[in-house]
Protein backbone atom coordinates (compact mmCIF):
# COMPACT_ATOMS: atom_id res chain seq x y z
CA MET A 1 19.67 -12.36 6.28
CA SER A 2 18.85 -9.40 4.08
CA HIS A 3 15.39 -8.49 2.88
CA ASP A 4 15.71 -6.19 -0.08
CA LEU A 5 13.03 -5.25 -2.55
CA LEU A 6 14.16 -5.09 -6.16
CA LEU A 7 12.98 -1.88 -7.76
CA TYR A 8 10.37 -2.58 -10.44
CA GLY A 9 11.94 -2.03 -13.87
CA SER A 10 15.44 -1.63 -12.39
CA THR A 11 18.52 -1.87 -14.57
CA GLU A 12 20.82 -2.03 -11.55
CA PRO A 13 23.16 -5.07 -11.34
CA LEU A 14 21.89 -8.16 -9.50
CA GLN A 15 24.65 -10.06 -7.73
CA PHE A 16 24.98 -13.72 -6.84
CA LYS A 17 27.72 -16.03 -5.59
CA ALA A 18 28.87 -19.12 -7.45
CA THR A 19 30.03 -21.84 -5.07
CA LEU A 20 31.22 -25.42 -5.20
CA ASN A 21 30.76 -27.29 -1.92
CA GLY A 22 30.32 -23.99 -0.11
CA VAL A 23 33.44 -22.32 -1.47
CA GLY A 24 33.30 -19.37 -3.91
CA VAL A 25 34.34 -20.23 -7.46
CA THR A 26 36.31 -17.62 -9.37
CA GLY A 27 37.16 -17.32 -13.04
CA LEU A 28 33.92 -18.73 -14.42
CA THR A 29 32.75 -17.94 -17.93
CA PHE A 30 29.05 -18.74 -17.92
CA GLN A 31 27.43 -20.34 -20.93
CA ALA A 32 24.10 -18.83 -22.07
CA ALA A 33 22.06 -21.61 -20.42
CA ASP A 34 23.98 -21.46 -17.11
CA VAL A 35 22.08 -18.41 -15.87
CA GLN A 36 18.42 -18.07 -16.78
CA LEU A 37 15.77 -15.44 -16.08
CA SER A 38 12.05 -15.93 -15.48
CA VAL A 39 9.60 -13.13 -14.73
CA ASP A 40 6.36 -13.64 -12.84
CA GLY A 41 6.73 -17.41 -12.83
CA THR A 42 6.72 -17.86 -16.60
CA THR A 43 7.87 -21.24 -17.83
CA THR A 44 9.84 -19.58 -20.63
CA TRP A 45 13.35 -18.88 -19.37
CA ALA A 46 15.65 -16.34 -21.01
CA ASN A 47 19.32 -17.32 -21.20
CA ILE A 48 21.40 -14.52 -19.63
CA GLY A 49 24.60 -16.38 -18.71
CA THR A 50 26.77 -14.62 -21.28
CA GLU A 51 25.65 -11.27 -19.82
CA CYS A 52 27.12 -12.07 -16.38
CA SER A 53 30.49 -10.78 -15.22
CA GLU A 54 32.71 -11.54 -12.25
CA ILE A 55 33.07 -8.94 -9.52
CA GLY A 56 35.49 -10.95 -7.37
CA ASN A 57 35.67 -13.66 -4.67
CA GLY A 58 33.15 -15.81 -6.54
CA ILE A 59 30.62 -12.97 -6.77
CA TYR A 60 29.09 -12.40 -10.20
CA ALA A 61 26.66 -9.80 -11.50
CA TRP A 62 24.01 -9.59 -14.16
CA THR A 63 22.93 -6.14 -15.30
CA PRO A 64 19.55 -6.04 -17.08
CA THR A 65 19.91 -4.64 -20.59
CA SER A 66 16.34 -3.38 -20.52
CA SER A 67 13.91 -2.33 -17.81
CA THR A 68 11.38 -4.76 -19.29
CA GLN A 69 13.49 -7.64 -17.91
CA THR A 70 12.59 -6.61 -14.35
CA GLN A 71 9.11 -5.19 -14.86
CA ALA A 72 7.44 -7.96 -12.88
CA GLU A 73 6.15 -8.76 -9.42
CA GLN A 74 8.73 -11.54 -9.13
CA VAL A 75 12.08 -11.94 -10.89
CA THR A 76 13.74 -15.36 -10.66
CA ILE A 77 17.30 -16.12 -11.69
CA SER A 78 18.36 -19.76 -11.93
CA VAL A 79 22.09 -20.57 -11.81
CA ILE A 80 22.89 -24.07 -13.09
CA ASP A 81 26.08 -25.51 -14.56
CA SER A 82 24.50 -26.73 -17.79
CA SER A 83 27.55 -28.66 -18.97
CA GLY A 84 29.20 -30.14 -15.90
CA SER A 85 29.89 -29.68 -12.22
CA LEU A 86 32.01 -26.51 -11.93
CA PHE A 87 29.61 -24.93 -9.44
CA ASP A 88 26.58 -25.76 -7.32
CA GLU A 89 23.04 -24.99 -8.45
CA ASN A 90 21.53 -21.85 -6.99
CA ALA A 91 18.66 -19.43 -7.50
CA LEU A 92 17.69 -15.87 -6.62
CA ILE A 93 14.08 -14.76 -6.23
CA MET A 94 13.43 -11.02 -6.03
CA VAL A 95 10.10 -9.38 -5.38
CA THR A 96 9.31 -5.90 -6.73
CA GLY A 97 5.80 -5.41 -5.44
CA GLY A 98 4.63 -5.17 -9.05
CA SER A 99 4.84 -1.39 -9.20
CA SER A 100 7.47 1.31 -9.50
CA LEU A 101 5.88 2.81 -6.39
CA ALA A 102 6.51 -0.28 -4.21
CA ARG A 103 8.94 0.07 -1.33
CA PHE A 104 10.12 -2.32 1.36
CA SER A 105 9.41 -1.32 4.92
CA GLY A 106 10.16 -3.16 8.08
């Protein structure tokens, strides 16, 4: 298990794996509502699915278009097949520490 701290305000790519029954799914074209972003637990989710690209082996990446998308203590990405069952539901929760000065130690 990895414990990484997302840098506050980062525009570095965030990666996730799309699976179906535990096996990586390649060749997906996400719809806008398939991948959604919430910052600091807001109930308003931003659709970012069309901004995701495949890296390979079922690994996909989303690169924030603005640092404001990750200027939060907690960044949550929900991955849901909004129109069928091409892949399993998943989520990523990253913690920044709420400051550009925060660093993970341990």
